[in-house]
Amino acid sequence: MEKRIDDAPEFEKRVAEILHKKHKMRWRGLTAWILAFTFVVIVMYRSNRDLVAQNQARINDIQTSRVESCKANYNGTYEVISSLFPPVKVRSIEQAERLSKLNETIKKLKLRCKKQVRTP
């Protein structure tokens, strides 16, 4: 019986030592997981930031293309319709006024082309 009482402090020391090692290992594991998670978040943030910049560049190109296409369509429409009018020397005053009104309308419509896209 006395042997047990004497061994008790050694047993407690051994248990405390084992628990301390497990506790230390838990902290190391937790630290490793936190570092790995932080690394993954940083990598995802950087790749997402690059993708957002690339997408924004594509969107800007598409919007520029839409505006140019819109203006080209109105220029083409003006050329087709104005070719239906007689030459300048033969035009009547009414025809000249209509062509002038058409020209003003086309200019207004070309200015509206920019409104169909959002500016960043």
N, C-alpha and C. Protein backbone atom coordinates (compact mmCIF):
# COMPACT_ATOMS: atom_id res chain seq x y z
N MET A 1 0.80 -1.17 0.00
CA MET A 1 0.00 0.00 0.00
C MET A 1 0.86 1.26 0.00
N GLU A 2 1.94 1.24 0.73
CA GLU A 2 2.81 2.40 0.77
C GLU A 2 3.45 2.65 -0.58
N LYS A 3 3.68 1.59 -1.30
CA LYS A 3 4.30 1.73 -2.61
C LYS A 3 3.40 2.57 -3.53
N ARG A 4 2.14 2.38 -3.41
CA ARG A 4 1.20 3.14 -4.24
C ARG A 4 1.23 4.61 -3.88
N ILE A 5 1.31 4.92 -2.62
CA ILE A 5 1.34 6.31 -2.19
C ILE A 5 2.62 6.98 -2.68
N ASP A 6 3.73 6.28 -2.61
CA ASP A 6 5.00 6.84 -3.10
C ASP A 6 5.00 6.99 -4.62
N ASP A 7 4.39 6.04 -5.31
CA ASP A 7 4.36 6.09 -6.78
C ASP A 7 3.37 7.15 -7.29
N ALA A 8 2.46 7.56 -6.48
CA ALA A 8 1.43 8.50 -6.91
C ALA A 8 2.03 9.79 -7.49
N PRO A 9 2.98 10.43 -6.86
CA PRO A 9 3.53 11.64 -7.46
C PRO A 9 4.20 11.37 -8.81
N GLU A 10 4.89 10.24 -8.95
CA GLU A 10 5.53 9.91 -10.22
C GLU A 10 4.46 9.65 -11.29
N PHE A 11 3.41 8.96 -10.87
CA PHE A 11 2.32 8.69 -11.80
C PHE A 11 1.67 10.00 -12.27
N GLU A 12 1.44 10.89 -11.30
CA GLU A 12 0.85 12.18 -11.65
C GLU A 12 1.78 12.98 -12.55
N LYS A 13 3.07 12.94 -12.29
CA LYS A 13 4.02 13.63 -13.14
C LYS A 13 3.99 13.05 -14.56
N ARG A 14 3.92 11.73 -14.63
CA ARG A 14 3.90 11.06 -15.95
C ARG A 14 2.62 11.43 -16.71
N VAL A 15 1.49 11.42 -15.99
CA VAL A 15 0.22 11.78 -16.64
C VAL A 15 0.28 13.24 -17.09
N ALA A 16 0.78 14.11 -16.24
CA ALA A 16 0.89 15.52 -16.60
C ALA A 16 1.81 15.70 -17.80
N GLU A 17 2.90 14.94 -17.84
CA GLU A 17 3.84 15.01 -18.96
C GLU A 17 3.18 14.56 -20.27
N ILE A 18 2.41 13.48 -20.20
CA ILE A 18 1.72 12.97 -21.40
C ILE A 18 0.67 13.99 -21.86
N LEU A 19 -0.09 14.51 -20.92
CA LEU A 19 -1.10 15.51 -21.27
C LEU A 19 -0.46 16.76 -21.86
N HIS A 20 0.69 17.15 -21.31
CA HIS A 20 1.39 18.33 -21.82
C HIS A 20 1.85 18.09 -23.27
N LYS A 21 2.36 16.89 -23.55
CA LYS A 21 2.78 16.57 -24.91
C LYS A 21 1.59 16.59 -25.86
N LYS A 22 0.48 16.01 -25.43
CA LYS A 22 -0.72 16.01 -26.28
C LYS A 22 -1.21 17.44 -26.50
N HIS A 23 -1.16 18.21 -25.43
CA HIS A 23 -1.59 19.60 -25.53
C HIS A 23 -0.69 20.36 -26.51
N LYS A 24 0.61 20.12 -26.42
CA LYS A 24 1.57 20.77 -27.31
C LYS A 24 1.32 20.34 -28.75
N MET A 25 1.02 19.06 -28.96
CA MET A 25 0.75 18.56 -30.31
C MET A 25 -0.54 19.16 -30.86
N ARG A 26 -1.54 19.34 -30.01
CA ARG A 26 -2.79 19.96 -30.45
C ARG A 26 -2.54 21.38 -30.93
N TRP A 27 -1.75 22.12 -30.18
CA TRP A 27 -1.46 23.49 -30.58
C TRP A 27 -0.67 23.53 -31.88
N ARG A 28 0.26 22.61 -32.03
CA ARG A 28 1.02 22.56 -33.28
C ARG A 28 0.10 22.24 -34.46
N GLY A 29 -0.79 21.28 -34.25
CA GLY A 29 -1.74 20.92 -35.31
C GLY A 29 -2.67 22.07 -35.65
N LEU A 30 -3.17 22.73 -34.62
CA LEU A 30 -4.05 23.87 -34.83
C LEU A 30 -3.31 25.00 -35.56
N THR A 31 -2.09 25.26 -35.16
CA THR A 31 -1.29 26.28 -35.83
C THR A 31 -1.05 25.93 -37.29
N ALA A 32 -0.77 24.67 -37.57
CA ALA A 32 -0.57 24.23 -38.96
C ALA A 32 -1.84 24.43 -39.78
N TRP A 33 -2.98 24.09 -39.22
CA TRP A 33 -4.25 24.27 -39.93
C TRP A 33 -4.54 25.75 -40.18
N ILE A 34 -4.27 26.58 -39.20
CA ILE A 34 -4.50 28.01 -39.36
C ILE A 34 -3.60 28.58 -40.45
N LEU A 35 -2.33 28.19 -40.46
CA LEU A 35 -1.41 28.66 -41.49
C LEU A 35 -1.84 28.18 -42.88
N ALA A 36 -2.24 26.91 -42.97
CA ALA A 36 -2.68 26.37 -44.26
C ALA A 36 -3.93 27.10 -44.75
N PHE A 37 -4.87 27.33 -43.86
CA PHE A 37 -6.10 28.04 -44.22
C PHE A 37 -5.79 29.47 -44.68
N THR A 38 -4.90 30.14 -43.96
CA THR A 38 -4.51 31.50 -44.33
C THR A 38 -3.85 31.51 -45.70
N PHE A 39 -2.99 30.56 -45.97
CA PHE A 39 -2.33 30.46 -47.26
C PHE A 39 -3.35 30.27 -48.38
N VAL A 40 -4.30 29.38 -48.17
CA VAL A 40 -5.34 29.13 -49.18
C VAL A 40 -6.18 30.38 -49.44
N VAL A 41 -6.53 31.08 -48.38
CA VAL A 41 -7.33 32.31 -48.54
C VAL A 41 -6.55 33.35 -49.32
N ILE A 42 -5.27 33.52 -49.03
CA ILE A 42 -4.45 34.49 -49.75
C ILE A 42 -4.33 34.12 -51.22
N VAL A 43 -4.10 32.86 -51.51
CA VAL A 43 -3.98 32.42 -52.91
C VAL A 43 -5.30 32.64 -53.64
N MET A 44 -6.41 32.30 -53.01
CA MET A 44 -7.72 32.51 -53.64
C MET A 44 -7.99 33.99 -53.87
N TYR A 45 -7.64 34.84 -52.92
CA TYR A 45 -7.86 36.28 -53.06
C TYR A 45 -7.07 36.83 -54.23
N ARG A 46 -5.80 36.43 -54.34
CA ARG A 46 -4.97 36.95 -55.43
C ARG A 46 -5.47 36.46 -56.78
N SER A 47 -5.83 35.20 -56.88
CA SER A 47 -6.31 34.69 -58.17
C SER A 47 -7.65 35.32 -58.51
N ASN A 48 -8.50 35.54 -57.53
CA ASN A 48 -9.79 36.19 -57.78
C ASN A 48 -9.58 37.63 -58.23
N ARG A 49 -8.64 38.33 -57.62
CA ARG A 49 -8.35 39.71 -57.99
C ARG A 49 -7.87 39.77 -59.44
N ASP A 50 -7.03 38.83 -59.84
CA ASP A 50 -6.56 38.79 -61.23
C ASP A 50 -7.70 38.50 -62.19
N LEU A 51 -8.57 37.57 -61.82
CA LEU A 51 -9.71 37.25 -62.68
C LEU A 51 -10.66 38.43 -62.82
N VAL A 52 -10.87 39.16 -61.74
CA VAL A 52 -11.75 40.33 -61.79
C VAL A 52 -11.15 41.38 -62.72
N ALA A 53 -9.84 41.59 -62.66
CA ALA A 53 -9.19 42.57 -63.53
C ALA A 53 -9.30 42.13 -65.00
N GLN A 54 -9.10 40.84 -65.26
CA GLN A 54 -9.22 40.34 -66.63
C GLN A 54 -10.65 40.48 -67.15
N ASN A 55 -11.62 40.16 -66.32
CA ASN A 55 -13.02 40.29 -66.72
C ASN A 55 -13.39 41.75 -66.98
N GLN A 56 -12.88 42.65 -66.16
CA GLN A 56 -13.17 44.07 -66.35
C GLN A 56 -12.59 44.55 -67.67
N ALA A 57 -11.39 44.07 -68.02
CA ALA A 57 -10.79 44.44 -69.30
C ALA A 57 -11.64 43.93 -70.46
N ARG A 58 -12.13 42.70 -70.34
CA ARG A 58 -13.01 42.14 -71.39
C ARG A 58 -14.30 42.95 -71.52
N ILE A 59 -14.89 43.29 -70.38
CA ILE A 59 -16.13 44.07 -70.39
C ILE A 59 -15.90 45.43 -71.06
N ASN A 60 -14.78 46.08 -70.74
CA ASN A 60 -14.47 47.37 -71.36
C ASN A 60 -14.31 47.23 -72.87
N ASP A 61 -13.63 46.16 -73.31
CA ASP A 61 -13.47 45.93 -74.75
C ASP A 61 -14.82 45.71 -75.43
N ILE A 62 -15.67 44.93 -74.80
CA ILE A 62 -16.99 44.65 -75.37
C ILE A 62 -17.82 45.93 -75.45
N GLN A 63 -17.78 46.73 -74.40
CA GLN A 63 -18.55 47.97 -74.40
C GLN A 63 -18.04 48.95 -75.46
N THR A 64 -16.73 49.03 -75.60
CA THR A 64 -16.16 49.89 -76.65
C THR A 64 -16.60 49.40 -78.02
N SER A 65 -16.58 48.09 -78.19
CA SER A 65 -17.00 47.50 -79.47
C SER A 65 -18.47 47.79 -79.74
N ARG A 66 -19.30 47.72 -78.72
CA ARG A 66 -20.74 48.00 -78.90
C ARG A 66 -20.97 49.43 -79.34
N VAL A 67 -20.26 50.37 -78.74
CA VAL A 67 -20.42 51.79 -79.10
C VAL A 67 -19.97 52.00 -80.54
N GLU A 68 -18.82 51.44 -80.89
CA GLU A 68 -18.32 51.59 -82.27
C GLU A 68 -19.28 50.95 -83.27
N SER A 69 -19.81 49.80 -82.93
CA SER A 69 -20.77 49.12 -83.81
C SER A 69 -22.04 49.94 -83.98
N CYS A 70 -22.51 50.51 -82.89
CA CYS A 70 -23.72 51.34 -82.93
C CYS A 70 -23.50 52.53 -83.87
N LYS A 71 -22.37 53.21 -83.70
CA LYS A 71 -22.07 54.37 -84.54
C LYS A 71 -21.91 53.95 -86.01
N ALA A 72 -21.27 52.82 -86.24
CA ALA A 72 -21.09 52.34 -87.62
C ALA A 72 -22.44 52.03 -88.26
N ASN A 73 -23.37 51.46 -87.48
CA ASN A 73 -24.71 51.18 -88.01
C ASN A 73 -25.43 52.46 -88.42
N TYR A 74 -25.34 53.50 -87.59
CA TYR A 74 -25.99 54.75 -87.93
C TYR A 74 -25.32 55.43 -89.13
N ASN A 75 -23.99 55.34 -89.20
CA ASN A 75 -23.29 55.89 -90.37
C ASN A 75 -23.72 55.17 -91.64
N GLY A 76 -23.82 53.84 -91.55
CA GLY A 76 -24.27 53.06 -92.71
C GLY A 76 -25.69 53.41 -93.11
N THR A 77 -26.55 53.57 -92.12
CA THR A 77 -27.94 53.95 -92.39
C THR A 77 -28.00 55.32 -93.09
N TYR A 78 -27.19 56.25 -92.59
CA TYR A 78 -27.16 57.58 -93.20
C TYR A 78 -26.68 57.51 -94.65
N GLU A 79 -25.62 56.73 -94.87
CA GLU A 79 -25.09 56.60 -96.24
C GLU A 79 -26.12 56.00 -97.19
N VAL A 80 -26.84 54.98 -96.73
CA VAL A 80 -27.84 54.33 -97.59
C VAL A 80 -28.98 55.30 -97.90
N ILE A 81 -29.50 55.95 -96.87
CA ILE A 81 -30.64 56.85 -97.07
C ILE A 81 -30.22 58.08 -97.87
N SER A 82 -29.05 58.64 -97.57
CA SER A 82 -28.62 59.85 -98.29
C SER A 82 -28.33 59.54 -99.76
N SER A 83 -27.98 58.31 -100.08
CA SER A 83 -27.74 57.95 -101.49
C SER A 83 -29.04 57.92 -102.29
N LEU A 84 -30.17 57.81 -101.60
CA LEU A 84 -31.45 57.81 -102.29
C LEU A 84 -31.88 59.22 -102.73
N PHE A 85 -31.28 60.24 -102.10
CA PHE A 85 -31.59 61.61 -102.48
C PHE A 85 -30.84 61.97 -103.76
N PRO A 86 -31.39 62.86 -104.55
CA PRO A 86 -30.69 63.28 -105.76
C PRO A 86 -29.44 64.09 -105.43
N PRO A 87 -28.52 64.29 -106.37
CA PRO A 87 -27.31 65.07 -106.11
C PRO A 87 -27.63 66.48 -105.64
N VAL A 88 -26.66 67.13 -105.04
CA VAL A 88 -26.84 68.44 -104.40
C VAL A 88 -27.38 69.47 -105.39
N LYS A 89 -26.89 69.47 -106.61
CA LYS A 89 -27.31 70.48 -107.60
C LYS A 89 -28.76 70.32 -108.00
N VAL A 90 -29.30 69.10 -107.92
CA VAL A 90 -30.65 68.82 -108.40
C VAL A 90 -31.67 68.81 -107.26
N ARG A 91 -31.23 68.79 -106.02
CA ARG A 91 -32.14 68.67 -104.86
C ARG A 91 -33.04 69.89 -104.74
N SER A 92 -34.26 69.58 -104.31
CA SER A 92 -35.18 70.68 -104.00
C SER A 92 -34.91 71.15 -102.58
N ILE A 93 -35.50 72.26 -102.21
CA ILE A 93 -35.32 72.80 -100.86
C ILE A 93 -35.89 71.83 -99.83
N GLU A 94 -37.02 71.23 -100.16
CA GLU A 94 -37.64 70.26 -99.24
C GLU A 94 -36.73 69.05 -99.03
N GLN A 95 -36.13 68.57 -100.09
CA GLN A 95 -35.21 67.42 -99.97
C GLN A 95 -33.98 67.79 -99.15
N ALA A 96 -33.46 68.96 -99.35
CA ALA A 96 -32.29 69.42 -98.58
C ALA A 96 -32.64 69.53 -97.10
N GLU A 97 -33.85 70.02 -96.80
CA GLU A 97 -34.28 70.12 -95.40
C GLU A 97 -34.44 68.74 -94.77
N ARG A 98 -35.02 67.82 -95.53
CA ARG A 98 -35.19 66.45 -95.01
C ARG A 98 -33.84 65.79 -94.76
N LEU A 99 -32.91 65.99 -95.68
CA LEU A 99 -31.57 65.41 -95.51
C LEU A 99 -30.87 66.04 -94.31
N SER A 100 -31.06 67.33 -94.12
CA SER A 100 -30.49 68.02 -92.96
C SER A 100 -31.10 67.47 -91.66
N LYS A 101 -32.41 67.26 -91.67
CA LYS A 101 -33.10 66.71 -90.50
C LYS A 101 -32.61 65.28 -90.23
N LEU A 102 -32.42 64.50 -91.29
CA LEU A 102 -31.89 63.15 -91.14
C LEU A 102 -30.49 63.19 -90.53
N ASN A 103 -29.67 64.12 -91.00
CA ASN A 103 -28.31 64.25 -90.48
C ASN A 103 -28.34 64.58 -88.99
N GLU A 104 -29.19 65.48 -88.57
CA GLU A 104 -29.33 65.83 -87.15
C GLU A 104 -29.81 64.64 -86.33
N THR A 105 -30.77 63.90 -86.87
CA THR A 105 -31.29 62.72 -86.17
C THR A 105 -30.21 61.67 -85.99
N ILE A 106 -29.43 61.45 -87.03
CA ILE A 106 -28.34 60.46 -86.95
C ILE A 106 -27.31 60.91 -85.91
N LYS A 107 -26.99 62.19 -85.88
CA LYS A 107 -26.04 62.69 -84.88
C LYS A 107 -26.56 62.46 -83.47
N LYS A 108 -27.85 62.73 -83.23
CA LYS A 108 -28.44 62.50 -81.90
C LYS A 108 -28.40 61.03 -81.53
N LEU A 109 -28.73 60.18 -82.51
CA LEU A 109 -28.72 58.74 -82.23
C LEU A 109 -27.31 58.25 -81.94
N LYS A 110 -26.32 58.78 -82.64
CA LYS A 110 -24.93 58.37 -82.39
C LYS A 110 -24.48 58.80 -81.00
N LEU A 111 -24.98 59.95 -80.54
CA LEU A 111 -24.64 60.38 -79.18
C LEU A 111 -25.27 59.46 -78.13
N ARG A 112 -26.42 58.89 -78.45
CA ARG A 112 -27.09 57.98 -77.52
C ARG A 112 -26.39 56.62 -77.44
N CYS A 113 -25.52 56.33 -78.39
CA CYS A 113 -24.84 55.03 -78.38
C CYS A 113 -24.07 54.80 -77.08
N LYS A 114 -23.50 55.88 -76.54
CA LYS A 114 -22.72 55.74 -75.31
C LYS A 114 -23.59 55.43 -74.09
N LYS A 115 -24.88 55.76 -74.18
CA LYS A 115 -25.78 55.52 -73.06
C LYS A 115 -26.15 54.04 -72.91
N GLN A 116 -25.91 53.25 -73.95
CA GLN A 116 -26.30 51.85 -73.86
C GLN A 116 -25.28 51.00 -73.10
N VAL A 117 -24.16 51.59 -72.74
CA VAL A 117 -23.14 50.86 -71.97
C VAL A 117 -22.92 51.58 -70.65
N ARG A 118 -22.52 50.80 -69.65
CA ARG A 118 -22.20 51.37 -68.34
C ARG A 118 -20.73 51.71 -68.30
N THR A 119 -20.41 52.87 -67.79
CA THR A 119 -19.00 53.23 -67.66
C THR A 119 -18.52 52.81 -66.27
N PRO A 120 -17.34 52.25 -66.20
CA PRO A 120 -16.83 51.78 -64.90
C PRO A 120 -16.44 52.91 -63.99
